[in-house]
Amino acid sequence: MGLLEVRNLAVHFPIHGGVFRREIGVVKAVDNVSFTIEAGKTYGLVGESGSGKTTTGRGIIGLNSITSGSVIFEGQDLASKGVRKQKNIRKDIQMIFQDPYSSLNPKKRVLDIIAEPLRNFEKMSPGEEKRRVQELLLQVGLSPENILKYPHEFSGGQRQRIGIARAIALKPKLIIADEPVSALDVSVQAQVLNFMQDIQKELNLTFLFISHDLGIIRHMCDHIGIMYKGRHVEQGTAKDIFDNPRHIYTKRLIAAIPDIDPKQREKQTEFRKSVSLEYEQAHRNYFDEQGMPYPLKSISETHLVALPEKG
């Protein structure tokens, strides 16, 4: 059993219309999603905007209501009534948000931002609290002298480090990182990603890493789930996904990764051509009549792909 097991998760949003705002339909933002994250590992959820990856993360942490399914964290189902309210559960799962500019309160000092979870869960004197925040700033590579500054006095990368310091303040077991570097300059992204890996090793953290960028996912993740229209189309180890992609949607995402290595450029160009041809000729082999992915089926011990029964 992994640290986190997501089983048949569904998050649906009602559609209201008419004069009386009656429910006239439902948006299946996440539909029958399952995966497991082992302790100390990083599982990547990847897909385009609207694929359901962020809604999945928000459903796990409780920011979106779960329609059906189970979220098993250390043997406890977070979808069960009252479980999320348990103090240890709320301490052990934290989140790093996408935008370091909007996720930090501009009216609060760094001291108050990082100390907020400590004040909610720990009983500390003002002196102990200050020392703990200074320790966290050092841990994320910032000077303790920054403790009385405000968010606008920092760069984007520094703000995200402050967000990470807030997330690790309670020594959680699982961190959900939702597009944590997408709002940062490319030159800063690698620094933050490498830093997150260092912190993971130091604290033995488990990550659910959400991104639209397969290049970043490849750099960060042990296992990967590819999402499309609220469902998984492929799951597997990083090696499964990148060395043996089977679903056309996965192949198209990989084909979109920019060429960095000149030696691989010709190979990538040929791969793109073959993916384009395959998509045009065999779309029906990957999606049903409604354009939705088929259910996942296993093609190896670690690799699952959404293919029809005959696929």
C-alpha atoms as a PDB file:
ATOM      1  CA  MET A   1       0.000   0.000   0.000  1.00  0.00           C
ATOM      2  CA  GLY A   2       1.308   3.456  -0.927  1.00  0.00           C
ATOM      3  CA  LEU A   3       1.238   6.573   1.180  1.00  0.00           C
ATOM      4  CA  LEU A   4      -1.652   7.825  -0.978  1.00  0.00           C
ATOM      5  CA  GLU A   5      -4.083   5.702  -2.968  1.00  0.00           C
ATOM      6  CA  VAL A   6      -6.650   7.397  -5.180  1.00  0.00           C
ATOM      7  CA  ARG A   7      -9.404   5.003  -6.253  1.00  0.00           C
ATOM      8  CA  ASN A   8     -12.036   5.782  -8.891  1.00  0.00           C
ATOM      9  CA  LEU A   9     -12.018   9.479  -8.000  1.00  0.00           C
ATOM     10  CA  ALA A  10     -14.771  11.604  -9.544  1.00  0.00           C
ATOM     11  CA  VAL A  11     -15.276  15.351  -9.172  1.00  0.00           C
ATOM     12  CA  HIS A  12     -18.370  16.619 -10.974  1.00  0.00           C
ATOM     13  CA  PHE A  13     -19.692  20.172 -11.130  1.00  0.00           C
ATOM     14  CA  PRO A  14     -23.406  20.864 -11.747  1.00  0.00           C
ATOM     15  CA  ILE A  15     -24.526  23.130 -14.595  1.00  0.00           C
ATOM     16  CA  HIS A  16     -27.407  25.477 -13.732  1.00  0.00           C
ATOM     17  CA  GLY A  17     -29.629  27.297 -16.180  1.00  0.00           C
ATOM     18  CA  GLY A  18     -33.009  28.909 -16.687  1.00  0.00           C
ATOM     19  CA  VAL A  19     -34.828  31.506 -14.621  1.00  0.00           C
ATOM     20  CA  PHE A  20     -34.785  29.359 -11.479  1.00  0.00           C
ATOM     21  CA  ARG A  21     -31.181  28.197 -11.923  1.00  0.00           C
ATOM     22  CA  ARG A  22     -32.141  24.544 -11.954  1.00  0.00           C
ATOM     23  CA  GLU A  23     -29.519  21.898 -12.518  1.00  0.00           C
ATOM     24  CA  ILE A  24     -29.566  21.065 -16.221  1.00  0.00           C
ATOM     25  CA  GLY A  25     -26.415  18.998 -16.513  1.00  0.00           C
ATOM     26  CA  VAL A  26     -23.040  18.146 -15.047  1.00  0.00           C
ATOM     27  CA  VAL A  27     -19.403  18.703 -15.958  1.00  0.00           C
ATOM     28  CA  LYS A  28     -17.309  15.609 -15.262  1.00  0.00           C
ATOM     29  CA  ALA A  29     -14.071  17.444 -14.482  1.00  0.00           C
ATOM     30  CA  VAL A  30     -12.519  14.267 -13.066  1.00  0.00           C
ATOM     31  CA  ASP A  31     -14.012  10.875 -13.880  1.00  0.00           C
ATOM     32  CA  ASN A  32     -12.845   7.513 -12.515  1.00  0.00           C
ATOM     33  CA  VAL A  33      -9.198   8.404 -11.828  1.00  0.00           C
ATOM     34  CA  SER A  34      -7.000   5.978  -9.854  1.00  0.00           C
ATOM     35  CA  PHE A  35      -3.310   6.005  -8.926  1.00  0.00           C
ATOM     36  CA  THR A  36      -0.930   5.277  -6.048  1.00  0.00           C
ATOM     37  CA  ILE A  37       2.025   7.280  -4.699  1.00  0.00           C
ATOM     38  CA  GLU A  38       4.708   5.483  -2.727  1.00  0.00           C
ATOM     39  CA  ALA A  39       6.285   7.269   0.251  1.00  0.00           C
ATOM     40  CA  GLY A  40       9.274   9.377  -0.746  1.00  0.00           C
ATOM     41  CA  LYS A  41       8.391   9.270  -4.453  1.00  0.00           C
ATOM     42  CA  THR A  42       7.017  11.821  -6.914  1.00  0.00           C
ATOM     43  CA  TYR A  43       3.944  11.114  -9.028  1.00  0.00           C
ATOM     44  CA  GLY A  44       3.338  13.473 -11.925  1.00  0.00           C
ATOM     45  CA  LEU A  45      -0.074  14.423 -13.303  1.00  0.00           C
ATOM     46  CA  VAL A  46       0.258  15.979 -16.737  1.00  0.00           C
ATOM     47  CA  GLY A  47      -2.146  17.229 -19.376  1.00  0.00           C
ATOM     48  CA  GLU A  48      -3.380  20.342 -21.135  1.00  0.00           C
ATOM     49  CA  SER A  49      -5.544  23.012 -19.484  1.00  0.00           C
ATOM     50  CA  GLY A  50      -8.942  21.528 -18.685  1.00  0.00           C
ATOM     51  CA  SER A  51      -7.668  17.954 -18.484  1.00  0.00           C
ATOM     52  CA  GLY A  52      -8.646  17.658 -14.809  1.00  0.00           C
ATOM     53  CA  LYS A  53      -5.191  17.461 -13.258  1.00  0.00           C
ATOM     54  CA  THR A  54      -5.548  20.492 -10.960  1.00  0.00           C
ATOM     55  CA  THR A  55      -9.104  19.490 -10.001  1.00  0.00           C
ATOM     56  CA  THR A  56      -7.721  16.089  -9.001  1.00  0.00           C
ATOM     57  CA  GLY A  57      -5.145  17.709  -6.712  1.00  0.00           C
ATOM     58  CA  ARG A  58      -7.711  20.071  -5.203  1.00  0.00           C
ATOM     59  CA  GLY A  59     -10.066  17.145  -4.619  1.00  0.00           C
ATOM     60  CA  ILE A  60      -7.363  15.233  -2.748  1.00  0.00           C
ATOM     61  CA  ILE A  61      -6.548  18.138  -0.450  1.00  0.00           C
ATOM     62  CA  GLY A  62     -10.218  19.046   0.053  1.00  0.00           C
ATOM     63  CA  LEU A  63     -10.495  22.292  -1.922  1.00  0.00           C
ATOM     64  CA  ASN A  64     -12.977  20.610  -4.296  1.00  0.00           C
ATOM     65  CA  SER A  65     -15.768  18.326  -3.097  1.00  0.00           C
ATOM     66  CA  ILE A  66     -15.403  14.690  -4.139  1.00  0.00           C
ATOM     67  CA  THR A  67     -18.435  13.303  -5.982  1.00  0.00           C
ATOM     68  CA  SER A  68     -17.437   9.658  -5.587  1.00  0.00           C
ATOM     69  CA  GLY A  69     -14.432   7.437  -5.075  1.00  0.00           C
ATOM     70  CA  SER A  70     -11.842   7.121  -2.333  1.00  0.00           C
ATOM     71  CA  VAL A  71      -8.680   8.978  -1.338  1.00  0.00           C
ATOM     72  CA  ILE A  72      -6.791   6.691   1.035  1.00  0.00           C
ATOM     73  CA  PHE A  73      -4.033   8.441   2.974  1.00  0.00           C
ATOM     74  CA  GLU A  74      -2.125   6.209   5.401  1.00  0.00           C
ATOM     75  CA  GLY A  75      -5.087   3.860   5.577  1.00  0.00           C
ATOM     76  CA  GLN A  76      -7.745   6.523   6.127  1.00  0.00           C
ATOM     77  CA  ASP A  77     -10.271   7.517   3.480  1.00  0.00           C
ATOM     78  CA  LEU A  78     -10.258  11.299   3.138  1.00  0.00           C
ATOM     79  CA  ALA A  79     -13.601  11.084   1.330  1.00  0.00           C
ATOM     80  CA  SER A  80     -15.233   9.780   4.526  1.00  0.00           C
ATOM     81  CA  LYS A  81     -17.148  12.289   6.606  1.00  0.00           C
ATOM     82  CA  GLY A  82     -15.071  13.871   9.363  1.00  0.00           C
ATOM     83  CA  VAL A  83     -11.704  12.349   8.429  1.00  0.00           C
ATOM     84  CA  ARG A  84     -10.331  15.557   6.869  1.00  0.00           C
ATOM     85  CA  LYS A  85     -11.045  17.435  10.091  1.00  0.00           C
ATOM     86  CA  GLN A  86      -8.550  15.328  11.988  1.00  0.00           C
ATOM     87  CA  LYS A  87      -5.605  17.473  12.999  1.00  0.00           C
ATOM     88  CA  ASN A  88      -2.896  15.064  11.868  1.00  0.00           C
ATOM     89  CA  ILE A  89      -4.438  14.720   8.388  1.00  0.00           C
ATOM     90  CA  ARG A  90      -4.523  18.477   7.826  1.00  0.00           C
ATOM     91  CA  LYS A  91      -0.919  18.768   9.011  1.00  0.00           C
ATOM     92  CA  ASP A  92       0.419  15.926   6.883  1.00  0.00           C
ATOM     93  CA  ILE A  93      -0.902  17.128   3.493  1.00  0.00           C
ATOM     94  CA  GLN A  94       0.137  20.577   2.284  1.00  0.00           C
ATOM     95  CA  MET A  95       0.005  22.399  -1.042  1.00  0.00           C
ATOM     96  CA  ILE A  96       2.301  24.628  -3.104  1.00  0.00           C
ATOM     97  CA  PHE A  97       0.226  26.842  -5.364  1.00  0.00           C
ATOM     98  CA  GLN A  98       0.847  27.838  -8.950  1.00  0.00           C
ATOM     99  CA  ASP A  99       1.225  31.613  -8.710  1.00  0.00           C
ATOM    100  CA  PRO A 100       3.759  32.907  -6.159  1.00  0.00           C
ATOM    101  CA  TYR A 101       2.406  36.423  -6.741  1.00  0.00           C
ATOM    102  CA  SER A 102      -1.205  35.707  -5.709  1.00  0.00           C
ATOM    103  CA  SER A 103      -0.693  32.886  -3.197  1.00  0.00           C
ATOM    104  CA  LEU A 104       1.116  35.126  -0.684  1.00  0.00           C
ATOM    105  CA  ASN A 105      -0.885  37.806   1.137  1.00  0.00           C
ATOM    106  CA  PRO A 106       0.713  41.134   0.077  1.00  0.00           C
ATOM    107  CA  LYS A 107      -0.288  42.758   3.371  1.00  0.00           C
ATOM    108  CA  LYS A 108       1.514  40.211   5.543  1.00  0.00           C
ATOM    109  CA  ARG A 109       5.192  39.988   6.420  1.00  0.00           C
ATOM    110  CA  VAL A 110       7.176  36.830   5.684  1.00  0.00           C
ATOM    111  CA  LEU A 111       7.099  36.039   9.405  1.00  0.00           C
ATOM    112  CA  ASP A 112       3.295  35.935   9.447  1.00  0.00           C
ATOM    113  CA  ILE A 113       2.990  34.085   6.125  1.00  0.00           C
ATOM    114  CA  ILE A 114       5.262  31.215   7.126  1.00  0.00           C
ATOM    115  CA  ALA A 115       4.084  31.163  10.746  1.00  0.00           C
ATOM    116  CA  GLU A 116       0.398  30.867   9.814  1.00  0.00           C
ATOM    117  CA  PRO A 117       0.297  27.034   9.766  1.00  0.00           C
ATOM    118  CA  LEU A 118       2.414  26.935  12.928  1.00  0.00           C
ATOM    119  CA  ARG A 119      -0.117  29.142  14.693  1.00  0.00           C
ATOM    120  CA  ASN A 120      -2.941  26.864  13.580  1.00  0.00           C
ATOM    121  CA  PHE A 121      -1.378  23.614  14.742  1.00  0.00           C
ATOM    122  CA  GLU A 122       1.504  24.281  17.142  1.00  0.00           C
ATOM    123  CA  LYS A 123       1.698  26.056  20.493  1.00  0.00           C
ATOM    124  CA  MET A 124       4.786  28.252  20.320  1.00  0.00           C
ATOM    125  CA  SER A 125       5.938  31.355  22.113  1.00  0.00           C
ATOM    126  CA  PRO A 126       6.671  34.388  19.887  1.00  0.00           C
ATOM    127  CA  GLY A 127      10.403  33.718  20.292  1.00  0.00           C
ATOM    128  CA  GLU A 128      10.109  30.039  19.344  1.00  0.00           C
ATOM    129  CA  GLU A 129       7.940  30.938  16.386  1.00  0.00           C
ATOM    130  CA  LYS A 130      10.445  33.508  15.127  1.00  0.00           C
ATOM    131  CA  ARG A 131      13.334  31.038  15.444  1.00  0.00           C
ATOM    132  CA  ARG A 132      11.377  28.356  13.580  1.00  0.00           C
ATOM    133  CA  VAL A 133      10.546  30.740  10.713  1.00  0.00           C
ATOM    134  CA  GLN A 134      14.200  31.795  10.487  1.00  0.00           C
ATOM    135  CA  GLU A 135      15.215  28.127  10.327  1.00  0.00           C
ATOM    136  CA  LEU A 136      12.729  27.552   7.515  1.00  0.00           C
ATOM    137  CA  LEU A 137      14.043  30.553   5.571  1.00  0.00           C
ATOM    138  CA  LEU A 138      17.562  29.146   5.823  1.00  0.00           C
ATOM    139  CA  GLN A 139      16.268  25.754   4.744  1.00  0.00           C
ATOM    140  CA  VAL A 140      14.822  27.213   1.526  1.00  0.00           C
ATOM    141  CA  GLY A 141      17.934  29.261   0.803  1.00  0.00           C
ATOM    142  CA  LEU A 142      16.792  32.689   1.985  1.00  0.00           C
ATOM    143  CA  SER A 143      18.364  34.933   4.616  1.00  0.00           C
ATOM    144  CA  PRO A 144      16.710  34.971   8.068  1.00  0.00           C
ATOM    145  CA  GLU A 145      17.005  38.763   7.864  1.00  0.00           C
ATOM    146  CA  ASN A 146      14.088  38.689   5.392  1.00  0.00           C
ATOM    147  CA  ILE A 147      11.664  37.810   8.151  1.00  0.00           C
ATOM    148  CA  LEU A 148      10.081  41.277   8.363  1.00  0.00           C
ATOM    149  CA  LYS A 149       9.874  41.948   4.624  1.00  0.00           C
ATOM    150  CA  TYR A 150       6.731  41.843   2.470  1.00  0.00           C
ATOM    151  CA  PRO A 151       6.149  39.688  -0.656  1.00  0.00           C
ATOM    152  CA  HIS A 152       6.594  42.586  -3.105  1.00  0.00           C
ATOM    153  CA  GLU A 153      10.221  42.898  -1.977  1.00  0.00           C
ATOM    154  CA  PHE A 154      11.095  39.483  -3.477  1.00  0.00           C
ATOM    155  CA  SER A 155      11.513  38.042  -6.959  1.00  0.00           C
ATOM    156  CA  GLY A 156       9.161  35.360  -8.279  1.00  0.00           C
ATOM    157  CA  GLY A 157      11.595  32.554  -7.490  1.00  0.00           C
ATOM    158  CA  GLN A 158      12.124  33.859  -3.970  1.00  0.00           C
ATOM    159  CA  ARG A 159       8.370  34.109  -3.425  1.00  0.00           C
ATOM    160  CA  GLN A 160       7.925  30.506  -4.448  1.00  0.00           C
ATOM    161  CA  ARG A 161      10.620  29.523  -1.939  1.00  0.00           C
ATOM    162  CA  ILE A 162       8.608  31.353   0.722  1.00  0.00           C
ATOM    163  CA  GLY A 163       5.570  29.329  -0.371  1.00  0.00           C
ATOM    164  CA  ILE A 164       7.612  26.145  -0.060  1.00  0.00           C
ATOM    165  CA  ALA A 165       8.798  27.200   3.421  1.00  0.00           C
ATOM    166  CA  ARG A 166       5.153  27.640   4.434  1.00  0.00           C
ATOM    167  CA  ALA A 167       4.288  24.203   2.995  1.00  0.00           C
ATOM    168  CA  ILE A 168       7.071  22.371   4.873  1.00  0.00           C
ATOM    169  CA  ALA A 169       6.633  24.274   8.166  1.00  0.00           C
ATOM    170  CA  LEU A 170       4.558  21.470   9.705  1.00  0.00           C
ATOM    171  CA  LYS A 171       6.847  18.712   8.378  1.00  0.00           C
ATOM    172  CA  PRO A 172       4.145  17.166   6.156  1.00  0.00           C
ATOM    173  CA  LYS A 173       4.347  13.747   4.551  1.00  0.00           C
ATOM    174  CA  LEU A 174       2.679  14.685   1.242  1.00  0.00           C
ATOM    175  CA  ILE A 175       2.931  17.919  -0.752  1.00  0.00           C
ATOM    176  CA  ILE A 176       0.713  18.653  -3.717  1.00  0.00           C
ATOM    177  CA  ALA A 177       2.627  20.982  -6.045  1.00  0.00           C
ATOM    178  CA  ASP A 178       0.270  22.556  -8.583  1.00  0.00           C
ATOM    179  CA  GLU A 179       2.248  24.009 -11.518  1.00  0.00           C
ATOM    180  CA  PRO A 180       4.789  25.396  -9.007  1.00  0.00           C
ATOM    181  CA  VAL A 181       7.115  26.948 -11.607  1.00  0.00           C
ATOM    182  CA  SER A 182       4.792  27.828 -14.505  1.00  0.00           C
ATOM    183  CA  ALA A 183       4.589  31.494 -13.441  1.00  0.00           C
ATOM    184  CA  LEU A 184       8.389  31.837 -13.210  1.00  0.00           C
ATOM    185  CA  ASP A 185      10.951  32.805 -15.817  1.00  0.00           C
ATOM    186  CA  VAL A 186      12.583  29.828 -17.524  1.00  0.00           C
ATOM    187  CA  SER A 187      15.941  30.865 -16.059  1.00  0.00           C
ATOM    188  CA  VAL A 188      14.512  30.510 -12.536  1.00  0.00           C
ATOM    189  CA  GLN A 189      12.486  27.331 -13.065  1.00  0.00           C
ATOM    190  CA  ALA A 190      15.449  24.940 -12.963  1.00  0.00           C
ATOM    191  CA  GLN A 191      16.712  26.495  -9.715  1.00  0.00           C
ATOM    192  CA  VAL A 192      13.346  26.004  -7.987  1.00  0.00           C
ATOM    193  CA  LEU A 193      12.882  22.466  -9.346  1.00  0.00           C
ATOM    194  CA  ASN A 194      16.353  21.352  -8.246  1.00  0.00           C
ATOM    195  CA  PHE A 195      15.765  22.945  -4.877  1.00  0.00           C
ATOM    196  CA  MET A 196      12.480  21.021  -4.506  1.00  0.00           C
ATOM    197  CA  GLN A 197      14.318  17.771  -5.222  1.00  0.00           C
ATOM    198  CA  ASP A 198      16.926  18.638  -2.583  1.00  0.00           C
ATOM    199  CA  ILE A 199      14.213  19.390  -0.025  1.00  0.00           C
ATOM    200  CA  GLN A 200      12.454  16.126  -0.891  1.00  0.00           C
ATOM    201  CA  LYS A 201      15.589  14.099  -0.173  1.00  0.00           C
ATOM    202  CA  GLU A 202      16.364  16.035   2.996  1.00  0.00           C
ATOM    203  CA  LEU A 203      12.862  15.688   4.488  1.00  0.00           C
ATOM    204  CA  ASN A 204      11.792  12.416   2.789  1.00  0.00           C
ATOM    205  CA  LEU A 205       8.790  14.172   1.241  1.00  0.00           C
ATOM    206  CA  THR A 206       6.274  12.619  -1.117  1.00  0.00           C
ATOM    207  CA  PHE A 207       5.122  14.806  -4.021  1.00  0.00           C
ATOM    208  CA  LEU A 208       2.085  14.891  -6.260  1.00  0.00           C
ATOM    209  CA  PHE A 209       3.489  17.118  -8.997  1.00  0.00           C
ATOM    210  CA  ILE A 210       0.974  18.704 -11.378  1.00  0.00           C
ATOM    211  CA  SER A 211       2.149  20.270 -14.632  1.00  0.00           C
ATOM    212  CA  HIS A 212       1.306  20.781 -18.296  1.00  0.00           C
ATOM    213  CA  ASP A 213       5.017  20.519 -19.164  1.00  0.00           C
ATOM    214  CA  LEU A 214       6.242  16.985 -19.908  1.00  0.00           C
ATOM    215  CA  GLY A 215       9.857  18.168 -19.856  1.00  0.00           C
ATOM    216  CA  ILE A 216       9.481  19.244 -16.235  1.00  0.00           C
ATOM    217  CA  ILE A 217       7.546  16.085 -15.384  1.00  0.00           C
ATOM    218  CA  ARG A 218      10.356  13.957 -16.835  1.00  0.00           C
ATOM    219  CA  HIS A 219      12.894  15.801 -14.676  1.00  0.00           C
ATOM    220  CA  MET A 220      10.881  15.485 -11.458  1.00  0.00           C
ATOM    221  CA  CYS A 221       8.781  12.322 -11.428  1.00  0.00           C
ATOM    222  CA  ASP A 222       9.171   8.598 -10.788  1.00  0.00           C
ATOM    223  CA  HIS A 223       5.691   7.677 -12.030  1.00  0.00           C
ATOM    224  CA  ILE A 224       3.458   9.623 -14.404  1.00  0.00           C
ATOM    225  CA  GLY A 225      -0.237   9.820 -15.227  1.00  0.00           C
ATOM    226  CA  ILE A 226      -1.349  11.445 -18.488  1.00  0.00           C
ATOM    227  CA  MET A 227      -4.809  13.073 -18.252  1.00  0.00           C
ATOM    228  CA  TYR A 228      -7.279  13.994 -20.983  1.00  0.00           C
ATOM    229  CA  LYS A 229     -10.885  15.176 -20.485  1.00  0.00           C
ATOM    230  CA  GLY A 230     -10.892  14.192 -16.820  1.00  0.00           C
ATOM    231  CA  ARG A 231      -9.544  10.687 -17.330  1.00  0.00           C
ATOM    232  CA  HIS A 232      -6.205   8.938 -17.458  1.00  0.00           C
ATOM    233  CA  VAL A 233      -5.130   7.892 -20.934  1.00  0.00           C
ATOM    234  CA  GLU A 234      -1.807   6.417 -19.820  1.00  0.00           C
ATOM    235  CA  GLN A 235       0.042   5.612 -16.600  1.00  0.00           C
ATOM    236  CA  GLY A 236       3.461   4.202 -15.920  1.00  0.00           C
ATOM    237  CA  THR A 237       6.997   4.760 -14.784  1.00  0.00           C
ATOM    238  CA  ALA A 238       8.919   7.637 -16.366  1.00  0.00           C
ATOM    239  CA  LYS A 239      10.708   5.022 -18.493  1.00  0.00           C
ATOM    240  CA  ASP A 240       7.378   3.511 -19.633  1.00  0.00           C
ATOM    241  CA  ILE A 241       6.002   6.884 -20.676  1.00  0.00           C
ATOM    242  CA  PHE A 242       9.049   8.300 -22.447  1.00  0.00           C
ATOM    243  CA  ASP A 243      10.626   5.154 -23.897  1.00  0.00           C
ATOM    244  CA  ASN A 244       7.416   3.363 -24.874  1.00  0.00           C
ATOM    245  CA  PRO A 245       4.478   5.809 -25.171  1.00  0.00           C
ATOM    246  CA  ARG A 246       1.400   3.934 -26.395  1.00  0.00           C
ATOM    247  CA  HIS A 247      -1.493   6.405 -26.440  1.00  0.00           C
ATOM    248  CA  ILE A 248      -1.636   8.954 -29.232  1.00  0.00           C
ATOM    249  CA  TYR A 249      -2.279  11.801 -26.765  1.00  0.00           C
ATOM    250  CA  THR A 250       0.875  10.896 -24.830  1.00  0.00           C
ATOM    251  CA  LYS A 251       2.835  10.741 -28.077  1.00  0.00           C
ATOM    252  CA  ARG A 252       1.564  14.188 -29.095  1.00  0.00           C
ATOM    253  CA  LEU A 253       2.642  15.673 -25.757  1.00  0.00           C
ATOM    254  CA  ILE A 254       6.099  14.132 -26.099  1.00  0.00           C
ATOM    255  CA  ALA A 255       6.344  15.337 -29.690  1.00  0.00           C
ATOM    256  CA  ALA A 256       5.706  18.885 -28.453  1.00  0.00           C
ATOM    257  CA  ILE A 257       8.760  18.890 -26.157  1.00  0.00           C
ATOM    258  CA  PRO A 258      11.274  21.418 -27.596  1.00  0.00           C
ATOM    259  CA  ASP A 259      14.459  20.095 -29.155  1.00  0.00           C
ATOM    260  CA  ILE A 260      17.415  20.815 -26.890  1.00  0.00           C
ATOM    261  CA  ASP A 261      19.982  18.236 -27.920  1.00  0.00           C
ATOM    262  CA  PRO A 262      21.027  18.786 -31.583  1.00  0.00           C
ATOM    263  CA  LYS A 263      21.863  15.071 -31.849  1.00  0.00           C
ATOM    264  CA  GLN A 264      18.230  14.192 -31.071  1.00  0.00           C
ATOM    265  CA  ARG A 265      16.684  16.842 -33.336  1.00  0.00           C
ATOM    266  CA  GLU A 266      16.403  14.666 -36.447  1.00  0.00           C
ATOM    267  CA  LYS A 267      14.998  11.763 -34.440  1.00  0.00           C
ATOM    268  CA  GLN A 268      12.428  14.056 -32.783  1.00  0.00           C
ATOM    269  CA  THR A 269      11.398  15.496 -36.148  1.00  0.00           C
ATOM    270  CA  GLU A 270      10.721  11.995 -37.505  1.00  0.00           C
ATOM    271  CA  PHE A 271       8.805  11.119 -34.340  1.00  0.00           C
ATOM    272  CA  ARG A 272       6.591  14.195 -34.797  1.00  0.00           C
ATOM    273  CA  LYS A 273       5.820  13.257 -38.387  1.00  0.00           C
ATOM    274  CA  SER A 274       4.875   9.691 -37.437  1.00  0.00           C
ATOM    275  CA  VAL A 275       2.660  10.901 -34.554  1.00  0.00           C
ATOM    276  CA  SER A 276       0.854  13.369 -36.829  1.00  0.00           C
ATOM    277  CA  LEU A 277       0.193  10.676 -39.423  1.00  0.00           C
ATOM    278  CA  GLU A 278      -0.957   8.164 -36.795  1.00  0.00           C
ATOM    279  CA  TYR A 279      -3.375  10.677 -35.262  1.00  0.00           C
ATOM    280  CA  GLU A 280      -4.967  11.510 -38.593  1.00  0.00           C
ATOM    281  CA  GLN A 281      -5.314   7.893 -39.684  1.00  0.00           C
ATOM    282  CA  ALA A 282      -6.270   6.122 -36.459  1.00  0.00           C
ATOM    283  CA  HIS A 283      -8.032   8.545 -34.110  1.00  0.00           C
ATOM    284  CA  ARG A 284     -10.822   6.006 -33.576  1.00  0.00           C
ATOM    285  CA  ASN A 285      -8.290   3.541 -32.163  1.00  0.00           C
ATOM    286  CA  TYR A 286      -7.741   5.803 -29.162  1.00  0.00           C
ATOM    287  CA  PHE A 287     -11.127   7.459 -28.459  1.00  0.00           C
ATOM    288  CA  ASP A 288     -14.742   6.242 -28.405  1.00  0.00           C
ATOM    289  CA  GLU A 289     -17.599   7.673 -30.466  1.00  0.00           C
ATOM    290  CA  GLN A 290     -18.006  10.565 -28.009  1.00  0.00           C
ATOM    291  CA  GLY A 291     -14.308  11.424 -28.286  1.00  0.00           C
ATOM    292  CA  MET A 292     -13.586  10.153 -24.776  1.00  0.00           C
ATOM    293  CA  PRO A 293     -10.680   7.892 -23.759  1.00  0.00           C
ATOM    294  CA  TYR A 294     -11.341   4.173 -23.269  1.00  0.00           C
ATOM    295  CA  PRO A 295     -10.851   2.577 -19.811  1.00  0.00           C
ATOM    296  CA  LEU A 296      -7.259   1.827 -18.838  1.00  0.00           C
ATOM    297  CA  LYS A 297      -5.920  -1.651 -19.358  1.00  0.00           C
ATOM    298  CA  SER A 298      -2.578  -3.110 -18.333  1.00  0.00           C
ATOM    299  CA  ILE A 299       0.081  -3.793 -20.963  1.00  0.00           C
ATOM    300  CA  SER A 300       2.812  -4.555 -18.401  1.00  0.00           C
ATOM    301  CA  GLU A 301       3.259  -4.716 -14.651  1.00  0.00           C
ATOM    302  CA  THR A 302       3.688  -0.918 -14.389  1.00  0.00           C
ATOM    303  CA  HIS A 303       2.207   0.392 -17.654  1.00  0.00           C
ATOM    304  CA  LEU A 304      -1.506   1.065 -18.275  1.00  0.00           C
ATOM    305  CA  VAL A 305      -3.026   2.558 -21.443  1.00  0.00           C
ATOM    306  CA  ALA A 306      -6.557   3.612 -22.428  1.00  0.00           C
ATOM    307  CA  LEU A 307      -7.149   1.365 -25.426  1.00  0.00           C
ATOM    308  CA  PRO A 308     -10.225  -0.492 -26.732  1.00  0.00           C
ATOM    309  CA  GLU A 309     -10.494  -4.175 -25.865  1.00  0.00           C
ATOM    310  CA  LYS A 310      -9.056  -5.133 -29.228  1.00  0.00           C
ATOM    311  CA  GLY A 311      -6.205  -2.556 -28.894  1.00  0.00           C
END
